[in-house]
Amino acid sequence: MEAKPEPQRLEAAEAVLCAWPVPVSFGGDRACYLPAIDRIQLPDRASYHSPAGLCATWAHEQIHSTGHESRLKRDTVGQ
């Protein structure tokens, strides 16, 4: 198996991230998951040093969203 070029990998990663059922808003100065409204907030794309950095942050916030009561309903206090 041959590794795909980075642009193709990042495009595939973003497609997976966009398929997650939690809405994403861009803007502001920090990334976070907002459980009260079940939404991921990310800074504008231009705020990231690289597309890979955006994907990593987005995936990190998606992991937090798995704690929502409609998903795994796990205890996320202190995270």
PDB file of N, CA and C in Angstrom:
ATOM      1  N   MET A   1       0.846  -1.161   0.000  1.00  0.00           N
ATOM      2  CA  MET A   1       0.000   0.000   0.000  1.00  0.00           C
ATOM      3  C   MET A   1       0.901   1.235   0.000  1.00  0.00           C
ATOM      4  N   GLU A   2       0.558   2.194  -0.796  1.00  0.00           N
ATOM      5  CA  GLU A   2       1.339   3.424  -0.915  1.00  0.00           C
ATOM      6  C   GLU A   2       0.625   4.569  -0.191  1.00  0.00           C
ATOM      7  N   ALA A   3       1.393   5.344   0.548  1.00  0.00           N
ATOM      8  CA  ALA A   3       0.809   6.484   1.275  1.00  0.00           C
ATOM      9  C   ALA A   3       0.343   7.543   0.280  1.00  0.00           C
ATOM     10  N   LYS A   4      -0.801   8.116   0.571  1.00  0.00           N
ATOM     11  CA  LYS A   4      -1.326   9.185  -0.275  1.00  0.00           C
ATOM     12  C   LYS A   4      -0.644  10.498   0.093  1.00  0.00           C
ATOM     13  N   PRO A   5      -0.586  11.444  -0.841  1.00  0.00           N
ATOM     14  CA  PRO A   5      -0.009  12.748  -0.527  1.00  0.00           C
ATOM     15  C   PRO A   5      -0.819  13.458   0.559  1.00  0.00           C
ATOM     16  N   GLU A   6      -0.156  14.317   1.317  1.00  0.00           N
ATOM     17  CA  GLU A   6      -0.807  15.001   2.432  1.00  0.00           C
ATOM     18  C   GLU A   6      -2.102  15.706   2.052  1.00  0.00           C
ATOM     19  N   PRO A   7      -2.155  16.440   0.934  1.00  0.00           N
ATOM     20  CA  PRO A   7      -3.432  17.100   0.613  1.00  0.00           C
ATOM     21  C   PRO A   7      -4.603  16.114   0.498  1.00  0.00           C
ATOM     22  N   GLN A   8      -4.354  14.945  -0.055  1.00  0.00           N
ATOM     23  CA  GLN A   8      -5.426  13.947  -0.168  1.00  0.00           C
ATOM     24  C   GLN A   8      -5.794  13.392   1.204  1.00  0.00           C
ATOM     25  N   ARG A   9      -4.810  13.181   2.053  1.00  0.00           N
ATOM     26  CA  ARG A   9      -5.093  12.681   3.412  1.00  0.00           C
ATOM     27  C   ARG A   9      -5.915  13.698   4.195  1.00  0.00           C
ATOM     28  N   LEU A  10      -5.547  14.969   4.084  1.00  0.00           N
ATOM     29  CA  LEU A  10      -6.273  16.010   4.820  1.00  0.00           C
ATOM     30  C   LEU A  10      -7.692  16.183   4.284  1.00  0.00           C
ATOM     31  N   GLU A  11      -7.849  16.055   2.978  1.00  0.00           N
ATOM     32  CA  GLU A  11      -9.195  16.139   2.390  1.00  0.00           C
ATOM     33  C   GLU A  11     -10.063  14.994   2.904  1.00  0.00           C
ATOM     34  N   ALA A  12      -9.499  13.804   2.984  1.00  0.00           N
ATOM     35  CA  ALA A  12     -10.244  12.655   3.504  1.00  0.00           C
ATOM     36  C   ALA A  12     -10.561  12.846   4.987  1.00  0.00           C
ATOM     37  N   ALA A  13      -9.603  13.367   5.742  1.00  0.00           N
ATOM     38  CA  ALA A  13      -9.834  13.606   7.174  1.00  0.00           C
ATOM     39  C   ALA A  13     -10.957  14.611   7.375  1.00  0.00           C
ATOM     40  N   GLU A  14     -10.940  15.684   6.603  1.00  0.00           N
ATOM     41  CA  GLU A  14     -11.991  16.688   6.764  1.00  0.00           C
ATOM     42  C   GLU A  14     -13.360  16.137   6.374  1.00  0.00           C
ATOM     43  N   ALA A  15     -13.401  15.262   5.380  1.00  0.00           N
ATOM     44  CA  ALA A  15     -14.675  14.640   5.003  1.00  0.00           C
ATOM     45  C   ALA A  15     -15.229  13.818   6.170  1.00  0.00           C
ATOM     46  N   VAL A  16     -14.379  13.095   6.864  1.00  0.00           N
ATOM     47  CA  VAL A  16     -14.809  12.315   8.027  1.00  0.00           C
ATOM     48  C   VAL A  16     -15.277  13.253   9.136  1.00  0.00           C
ATOM     49  N   LEU A  17     -14.523  14.324   9.382  1.00  0.00           N
ATOM     50  CA  LEU A  17     -14.895  15.280  10.429  1.00  0.00           C
ATOM     51  C   LEU A  17     -16.240  15.938  10.126  1.00  0.00           C
ATOM     52  N   CYS A  18     -16.470  16.276   8.877  1.00  0.00           N
ATOM     53  CA  CYS A  18     -17.731  16.919   8.490  1.00  0.00           C
ATOM     54  C   CYS A  18     -18.926  15.971   8.611  1.00  0.00           C
ATOM     55  N   ALA A  19     -18.682  14.684   8.567  1.00  0.00           N
ATOM     56  CA  ALA A  19     -19.770  13.705   8.648  1.00  0.00           C
ATOM     57  C   ALA A  19     -20.262  13.494  10.085  1.00  0.00           C
ATOM     58  N   TRP A  20     -19.500  13.972  11.070  1.00  0.00           N
ATOM     59  CA  TRP A  20     -19.900  13.814  12.475  1.00  0.00           C
ATOM     60  C   TRP A  20     -21.179  14.614  12.707  1.00  0.00           C
ATOM     61  N   PRO A  21     -22.146  14.094  13.465  1.00  0.00           N
ATOM     62  CA  PRO A  21     -23.458  14.740  13.579  1.00  0.00           C
ATOM     63  C   PRO A  21     -23.531  15.979  14.477  1.00  0.00           C
ATOM     64  N   VAL A  22     -22.416  16.470  14.954  1.00  0.00           N
ATOM     65  CA  VAL A  22     -22.422  17.662  15.812  1.00  0.00           C
ATOM     66  C   VAL A  22     -22.111  18.889  14.958  1.00  0.00           C
ATOM     67  N   PRO A  23     -22.959  19.919  15.001  1.00  0.00           N
ATOM     68  CA  PRO A  23     -22.691  21.130  14.234  1.00  0.00           C
ATOM     69  C   PRO A  23     -21.384  21.800  14.682  1.00  0.00           C
ATOM     70  N   VAL A  24     -20.727  22.448  13.734  1.00  0.00           N
ATOM     71  CA  VAL A  24     -19.476  23.154  14.000  1.00  0.00           C
ATOM     72  C   VAL A  24     -19.653  24.612  13.608  1.00  0.00           C
ATOM     73  N   SER A  25     -19.201  25.508  14.488  1.00  0.00           N
ATOM     74  CA  SER A  25     -19.178  26.937  14.188  1.00  0.00           C
ATOM     75  C   SER A  25     -17.729  27.398  14.188  1.00  0.00           C
ATOM     76  N   PHE A  26     -17.399  28.252  13.243  1.00  0.00           N
ATOM     77  CA  PHE A  26     -16.056  28.817  13.164  1.00  0.00           C
ATOM     78  C   PHE A  26     -16.104  30.280  13.580  1.00  0.00           C
ATOM     79  N   GLY A  27     -15.111  30.685  14.355  1.00  0.00           N
ATOM     80  CA  GLY A  27     -15.011  32.063  14.823  1.00  0.00           C
ATOM     81  C   GLY A  27     -14.572  32.081  16.269  1.00  0.00           C
ATOM     82  N   GLY A  28     -14.189  33.211  16.743  1.00  0.00           N
ATOM     83  CA  GLY A  28     -13.729  33.320  18.117  1.00  0.00           C
ATOM     84  C   GLY A  28     -12.256  32.993  18.236  1.00  0.00           C
ATOM     85  N   ASP A  29     -11.810  32.884  19.478  1.00  0.00           N
ATOM     86  CA  ASP A  29     -10.373  32.714  19.697  1.00  0.00           C
ATOM     87  C   ASP A  29     -10.015  31.411  20.409  1.00  0.00           C
ATOM     88  N   ARG A  30     -10.972  30.487  20.542  1.00  0.00           N
ATOM     89  CA  ARG A  30     -10.643  29.223  21.197  1.00  0.00           C
ATOM     90  C   ARG A  30     -11.498  28.097  20.627  1.00  0.00           C
ATOM     91  N   ALA A  31     -10.975  26.895  20.783  1.00  0.00           N
ATOM     92  CA  ALA A  31     -11.705  25.706  20.368  1.00  0.00           C
ATOM     93  C   ALA A  31     -12.320  25.074  21.603  1.00  0.00           C
ATOM     94  N   CYS A  32     -13.569  24.640  21.478  1.00  0.00           N
ATOM     95  CA  CYS A  32     -14.218  23.972  22.604  1.00  0.00           C
ATOM     96  C   CYS A  32     -15.453  23.235  22.118  1.00  0.00           C
ATOM     97  N   TYR A  33     -15.877  22.296  22.946  1.00  0.00           N
ATOM     98  CA  TYR A  33     -17.155  21.633  22.735  1.00  0.00           C
ATOM     99  C   TYR A  33     -18.116  22.230  23.742  1.00  0.00           C
ATOM    100  N   LEU A  34     -19.295  22.623  23.288  1.00  0.00           N
ATOM    101  CA  LEU A  34     -20.311  23.246  24.138  1.00  0.00           C
ATOM    102  C   LEU A  34     -21.447  22.240  24.361  1.00  0.00           C
ATOM    103  N   PRO A  35     -21.382  21.484  25.468  1.00  0.00           N
ATOM    104  CA  PRO A  35     -22.381  20.429  25.671  1.00  0.00           C
ATOM    105  C   PRO A  35     -23.809  20.937  25.833  1.00  0.00           C
ATOM    106  N   ALA A  36     -23.992  22.105  26.390  1.00  0.00           N
ATOM    107  CA  ALA A  36     -25.353  22.620  26.612  1.00  0.00           C
ATOM    108  C   ALA A  36     -26.115  22.794  25.302  1.00  0.00           C
ATOM    109  N   ILE A  37     -25.399  23.119  24.237  1.00  0.00           N
ATOM    110  CA  ILE A  37     -26.050  23.288  22.935  1.00  0.00           C
ATOM    111  C   ILE A  37     -25.562  22.254  21.922  1.00  0.00           C
ATOM    112  N   ASP A  38     -24.749  21.308  22.375  1.00  0.00           N
ATOM    113  CA  ASP A  38     -24.217  20.227  21.531  1.00  0.00           C
ATOM    114  C   ASP A  38     -23.625  20.785  20.238  1.00  0.00           C
ATOM    115  N   ARG A  39     -22.617  21.616  20.408  1.00  0.00           N
ATOM    116  CA  ARG A  39     -21.977  22.272  19.264  1.00  0.00           C
ATOM    117  C   ARG A  39     -20.471  22.345  19.508  1.00  0.00           C
ATOM    118  N   ILE A  40     -19.702  22.232  18.428  1.00  0.00           N
ATOM    119  CA  ILE A  40     -18.255  22.418  18.481  1.00  0.00           C
ATOM    120  C   ILE A  40     -17.952  23.818  17.973  1.00  0.00           C
ATOM    121  N   GLN A  41     -17.131  24.530  18.714  1.00  0.00           N
ATOM    122  CA  GLN A  41     -16.706  25.876  18.327  1.00  0.00           C
ATOM    123  C   GLN A  41     -15.218  25.813  18.009  1.00  0.00           C
ATOM    124  N   LEU A  42     -14.848  26.289  16.828  1.00  0.00           N
ATOM    125  CA  LEU A  42     -13.446  26.329  16.414  1.00  0.00           C
ATOM    126  C   LEU A  42     -13.091  27.735  15.944  1.00  0.00           C
ATOM    127  N   PRO A  43     -11.849  28.173  16.175  1.00  0.00           N
ATOM    128  CA  PRO A  43     -11.420  29.452  15.603  1.00  0.00           C
ATOM    129  C   PRO A  43     -11.497  29.390  14.075  1.00  0.00           C
ATOM    130  N   ASP A  44     -11.474  30.551  13.438  1.00  0.00           N
ATOM    131  CA  ASP A  44     -11.471  30.596  11.976  1.00  0.00           C
ATOM    132  C   ASP A  44     -10.327  29.761  11.419  1.00  0.00           C
ATOM    133  N   ARG A  45     -10.531  29.201  10.249  1.00  0.00           N
ATOM    134  CA  ARG A  45      -9.515  28.354   9.618  1.00  0.00           C
ATOM    135  C   ARG A  45      -8.167  29.068   9.502  1.00  0.00           C
ATOM    136  N   ALA A  46      -8.185  30.352   9.237  1.00  0.00           N
ATOM    137  CA  ALA A  46      -6.948  31.119   9.067  1.00  0.00           C
ATOM    138  C   ALA A  46      -6.135  31.213  10.362  1.00  0.00           C
ATOM    139  N   SER A  47      -6.746  30.889  11.490  1.00  0.00           N
ATOM    140  CA  SER A  47      -6.058  30.952  12.780  1.00  0.00           C
ATOM    141  C   SER A  47      -5.082  29.801  12.980  1.00  0.00           C
ATOM    142  N   TYR A  48      -5.217  28.752  12.200  1.00  0.00           N
ATOM    143  CA  TYR A  48      -4.377  27.566  12.358  1.00  0.00           C
ATOM    144  C   TYR A  48      -3.112  27.698  11.517  1.00  0.00           C
ATOM    145  N   HIS A  49      -2.025  27.131  12.036  1.00  0.00           N
ATOM    146  CA  HIS A  49      -0.749  27.170  11.325  1.00  0.00           C
ATOM    147  C   HIS A  49      -0.733  26.227  10.132  1.00  0.00           C
ATOM    148  N   SER A  50      -1.616  25.233  10.161  1.00  0.00           N
ATOM    149  CA  SER A  50      -1.655  24.264   9.065  1.00  0.00           C
ATOM    150  C   SER A  50      -3.027  23.602   9.015  1.00  0.00           C
ATOM    151  N   PRO A  51      -3.388  23.049   7.861  1.00  0.00           N
ATOM    152  CA  PRO A  51      -4.635  22.282   7.791  1.00  0.00           C
ATOM    153  C   PRO A  51      -4.621  21.080   8.734  1.00  0.00           C
ATOM    154  N   ALA A  52      -3.453  20.489   8.940  1.00  0.00           N
ATOM    155  CA  ALA A  52      -3.355  19.351   9.856  1.00  0.00           C
ATOM    156  C   ALA A  52      -3.672  19.784  11.289  1.00  0.00           C
ATOM    157  N   GLY A  53      -3.251  20.989  11.666  1.00  0.00           N
ATOM    158  CA  GLY A  53      -3.560  21.510  12.996  1.00  0.00           C
ATOM    159  C   GLY A  53      -5.052  21.695  13.196  1.00  0.00           C
ATOM    160  N   LEU A  54      -5.718  22.188  12.177  1.00  0.00           N
ATOM    161  CA  LEU A  54      -7.177  22.326  12.242  1.00  0.00           C
ATOM    162  C   LEU A  54      -7.829  20.965  12.422  1.00  0.00           C
ATOM    163  N   CYS A  55      -7.429  19.992  11.615  1.00  0.00           N
ATOM    164  CA  CYS A  55      -8.028  18.657  11.708  1.00  0.00           C
ATOM    165  C   CYS A  55      -7.788  18.030  13.078  1.00  0.00           C
ATOM    166  N   ALA A  56      -6.599  18.205  13.624  1.00  0.00           N
ATOM    167  CA  ALA A  56      -6.285  17.635  14.937  1.00  0.00           C
ATOM    168  C   ALA A  56      -7.154  18.260  16.026  1.00  0.00           C
ATOM    169  N   THR A  57      -7.310  19.577  15.980  1.00  0.00           N
ATOM    170  CA  THR A  57      -8.129  20.269  16.977  1.00  0.00           C
ATOM    171  C   THR A  57      -9.596  19.880  16.837  1.00  0.00           C
ATOM    172  N   TRP A  58     -10.069  19.824  15.624  1.00  0.00           N
ATOM    173  CA  TRP A  58     -11.457  19.449  15.345  1.00  0.00           C
ATOM    174  C   TRP A  58     -11.732  18.038  15.875  1.00  0.00           C
ATOM    175  N   ALA A  59     -10.827  17.103  15.601  1.00  0.00           N
ATOM    176  CA  ALA A  59     -10.996  15.728  16.081  1.00  0.00           C
ATOM    177  C   ALA A  59     -10.986  15.681  17.606  1.00  0.00           C
ATOM    178  N   HIS A  60     -10.122  16.478  18.216  1.00  0.00           N
ATOM    179  CA  HIS A  60     -10.063  16.530  19.677  1.00  0.00           C
ATOM    180  C   HIS A  60     -11.413  16.964  20.254  1.00  0.00           C
ATOM    181  N   GLU A  61     -12.002  17.983  19.687  1.00  0.00           N
ATOM    182  CA  GLU A  61     -13.303  18.467  20.176  1.00  0.00           C
ATOM    183  C   GLU A  61     -14.404  17.447  19.896  1.00  0.00           C
ATOM    184  N   GLN A  62     -14.298  16.715  18.801  1.00  0.00           N
ATOM    185  CA  GLN A  62     -15.282  15.666  18.535  1.00  0.00           C
ATOM    186  C   GLN A  62     -15.230  14.588  19.605  1.00  0.00           C
ATOM    187  N   ILE A  63     -14.036  14.270  20.059  1.00  0.00           N
ATOM    188  CA  ILE A  63     -13.919  13.279  21.132  1.00  0.00           C
ATOM    189  C   ILE A  63     -14.665  13.758  22.376  1.00  0.00           C
ATOM    190  N   HIS A  64     -14.534  15.042  22.712  1.00  0.00           N
ATOM    191  CA  HIS A  64     -15.297  15.574  23.852  1.00  0.00           C
ATOM    192  C   HIS A  64     -16.800  15.406  23.622  1.00  0.00           C
ATOM    193  N   SER A  65     -17.242  15.583  22.388  1.00  0.00           N
ATOM    194  CA  SER A  65     -18.680  15.514  22.109  1.00  0.00           C
ATOM    195  C   SER A  65     -19.253  14.109  22.264  1.00  0.00           C
ATOM    196  N   THR A  66     -18.404  13.098  22.360  1.00  0.00           N
ATOM    197  CA  THR A  66     -18.931  11.744  22.578  1.00  0.00           C
ATOM    198  C   THR A  66     -19.561  11.603  23.955  1.00  0.00           C
ATOM    199  N   GLY A  67     -19.267  12.524  24.872  1.00  0.00           N
ATOM    200  CA  GLY A  67     -19.837  12.463  26.213  1.00  0.00           C
ATOM    201  C   GLY A  67     -21.284  12.922  26.284  1.00  0.00           C
ATOM    202  N   HIS A  68     -21.801  13.514  25.222  1.00  0.00           N
ATOM    203  CA  HIS A  68     -23.178  14.018  25.227  1.00  0.00           C
ATOM    204  C   HIS A  68     -24.159  12.891  25.557  1.00  0.00           C
ATOM    205  N   GLU A  69     -25.257  13.240  26.216  1.00  0.00           N
ATOM    206  CA  GLU A  69     -26.238  12.239  26.649  1.00  0.00           C
ATOM    207  C   GLU A  69     -26.848  11.459  25.485  1.00  0.00           C
ATOM    208  N   SER A  70     -26.836  12.021  24.284  1.00  0.00           N
ATOM    209  CA  SER A  70     -27.385  11.304  23.131  1.00  0.00           C
ATOM    210  C   SER A  70     -26.362  10.360  22.500  1.00  0.00           C
ATOM    211  N   ARG A  71     -25.126  10.359  23.051  1.00  0.00           N
ATOM    212  CA  ARG A  71     -24.084   9.475  22.531  1.00  0.00           C
ATOM    213  C   ARG A  71     -23.657   8.507  23.638  1.00  0.00           C
ATOM    214  N   LEU A  72     -22.474   8.645  24.165  1.00  0.00           N
ATOM    215  CA  LEU A  72     -22.000   7.718  25.196  1.00  0.00           C
ATOM    216  C   LEU A  72     -22.408   8.104  26.607  1.00  0.00           C
ATOM    217  N   LYS A  73     -22.823   9.347  26.765  1.00  0.00           N
ATOM    218  CA  LYS A  73     -23.277   9.867  28.071  1.00  0.00           C
ATOM    219  C   LYS A  73     -22.268   9.558  29.168  1.00  0.00           C
ATOM    220  N   ARG A  74     -21.006   9.791  28.857  1.00  0.00           N
ATOM    221  CA  ARG A  74     -19.967   9.537  29.853  1.00  0.00           C
ATOM    222  C   ARG A  74     -19.709  10.787  30.674  1.00  0.00           C
ATOM    223  N   ASP A  75     -19.161  10.625  31.837  1.00  0.00           N
ATOM    224  CA  ASP A  75     -18.875  11.745  32.730  1.00  0.00           C
ATOM    225  C   ASP A  75     -17.713  12.550  32.165  1.00  0.00           C
ATOM    226  N   THR A  76     -17.960  13.801  31.810  1.00  0.00           N
ATOM    227  CA  THR A  76     -16.916  14.654  31.255  1.00  0.00           C
ATOM    228  C   THR A  76     -16.543  15.784  32.214  1.00  0.00           C
ATOM    229  N   VAL A  77     -16.970  15.709  33.448  1.00  0.00           N
ATOM    230  CA  VAL A  77     -16.649  16.732  34.431  1.00  0.00           C
ATOM    231  C   VAL A  77     -15.134  16.754  34.625  1.00  0.00           C
ATOM    232  N   GLY A  78     -14.570  17.930  34.557  1.00  0.00           N
ATOM    233  CA  GLY A  78     -13.126  18.090  34.745  1.00  0.00           C
ATOM    234  C   GLY A  78     -12.316  17.934  33.468  1.00  0.00           C
ATOM    235  N   GLN A  79     -12.976  17.751  32.346  1.00  0.00           N
ATOM    236  CA  GLN A  79     -12.228  17.609  31.096  1.00  0.00           C
ATOM    237  C   GLN A  79     -11.997  18.934  30.450  1.00  0.00           C
TER     238      GLN A  79
END
